[in-house]
Every structure is written in C-alpha cells, then in structure tokens.
Amino acid sequence: MKELIEMIAKTLVENPDSVQVDEKTTEDMLVYELRVAESDLGRVIGREGRIAKAMRTIIRSIAARKGQKATLEIMD
C-alpha cells in the first residue's frame, strides 16, 4: 500500500523526488505519513481537501479488505 500512496502522490506533484511515505503502526491501526515538498502540499491536499479525502478513502477500503485499519496523514 505504501507503493500505491507514493505512485498517486508522484503523479500529482511537480517535484516527485521529494515524495516520501513512512509507515507506522499504532495499537490498532496502520498510519501512513506522506511528506512532499512545501510547494506541492496544496496539490496533494486539493481544493477543500478533496484529493486527500479520496486518498484516505482508498487506503481505508484496501485495509478493510485485509481486515485492518489504516489512515493517511499528510505531514507539513
């Protein structure tokens, strides 16, 4: 799933080399932290957060199929 997040983010940003995804495990959930260049932050979040919301929906549905819980955090 980490590769999927990277692929989506790299297609959205102008500086794909700055895309970085880290995976952390909390008590009951996988947390993916997405980091992009500051100038590309708006492209990943989208108008009114629509792109970020869509990415989170995709991640949650894939995790649910595997019987897990997951979310995406976009880091500054």
Protein backbone atom coordinates (compact mmCIF):
# COMPACT_ATOMS: atom_id res chain seq x y z
CA MET A 1 0.00 0.00 0.00
CA LYS A 2 2.97 2.26 0.61
CA GLU A 3 3.87 1.98 -3.08
CA LEU A 4 0.33 2.94 -4.09
CA ILE A 5 0.45 6.11 -1.98
CA GLU A 6 3.82 7.02 -3.49
CA MET A 7 2.55 6.46 -7.01
CA ILE A 8 -0.56 8.60 -6.50
CA ALA A 9 1.41 11.40 -4.86
CA LYS A 10 4.15 11.40 -7.50
CA THR A 11 1.60 11.83 -10.28
CA LEU A 12 0.10 14.85 -8.50
CA VAL A 13 3.21 16.85 -7.58
CA GLU A 14 5.71 18.84 -9.63
CA ASN A 15 8.69 17.52 -7.65
CA PRO A 16 8.22 13.72 -7.47
CA ASP A 17 11.67 13.18 -5.96
CA SER A 18 10.53 14.82 -2.72
CA VAL A 19 7.69 12.34 -2.13
CA GLN A 20 8.29 10.21 0.94
CA VAL A 21 5.94 7.75 2.65
CA ASP A 22 6.59 6.30 6.09
CA GLU A 23 4.56 3.54 7.69
CA LYS A 24 3.90 3.49 11.42
CA THR A 25 1.92 1.01 13.45
CA THR A 26 -0.14 2.13 16.43
CA GLU A 27 -2.10 -0.12 18.75
CA ASP A 28 -4.82 -1.00 16.24
CA MET A 29 -4.09 0.97 13.09
CA LEU A 30 -1.54 1.47 10.33
CA VAL A 31 -0.64 5.13 9.82
CA TYR A 32 0.95 6.22 6.56
CA GLU A 33 2.74 9.58 6.75
CA LEU A 34 3.08 11.36 3.42
CA ARG A 35 5.70 14.07 3.00
CA VAL A 36 6.03 16.23 -0.10
CA ALA A 37 7.79 19.49 -0.94
CA GLU A 38 6.16 22.50 0.67
CA SER A 39 5.30 23.93 -2.74
CA ASP A 40 3.42 20.72 -3.63
CA LEU A 41 1.42 20.47 -0.42
CA GLY A 42 -1.65 22.12 -1.94
CA ARG A 43 -1.62 19.75 -4.89
CA VAL A 44 -1.77 16.72 -2.61
CA ILE A 45 -4.46 18.17 -0.34
CA GLY A 46 -6.61 19.57 -3.14
CA ARG A 47 -9.44 22.07 -3.05
CA GLU A 48 -11.25 21.79 0.26
CA GLY A 49 -9.23 18.61 0.94
CA ARG A 50 -10.92 16.57 -1.77
CA ILE A 51 -7.80 14.79 -3.02
CA ALA A 52 -6.60 13.98 0.50
CA LYS A 53 -10.06 12.68 1.39
CA ALA A 54 -10.14 10.49 -1.73
CA MET A 55 -6.70 9.06 -0.95
CA ARG A 56 -7.78 8.27 2.62
CA THR A 57 -10.91 6.55 1.34
CA ILE A 58 -8.86 4.33 -0.98
CA ILE A 59 -6.43 3.42 1.81
CA ARG A 60 -9.22 2.61 4.28
CA SER A 61 -11.04 0.41 1.78
CA ILE A 62 -7.91 -1.55 0.86
CA ALA A 63 -7.09 -2.05 4.53
CA ALA A 64 -10.66 -3.12 5.29
CA ARG A 65 -10.42 -5.85 2.66
CA LYS A 66 -7.39 -7.17 4.54
CA GLY A 67 -9.18 -6.92 7.89
CA GLN A 68 -7.05 -4.00 9.05
CA LYS A 69 -7.47 -0.32 9.78
CA ALA A 70 -5.33 2.31 8.10
CA THR A 71 -5.21 6.06 7.59
CA LEU A 72 -3.12 8.66 5.79
CA GLU A 73 -1.58 11.71 7.40
CA ILE A 74 -0.14 14.45 5.22
CA MET A 75 2.79 15.97 7.07
CA ASP A 76 3.98 19.58 6.82
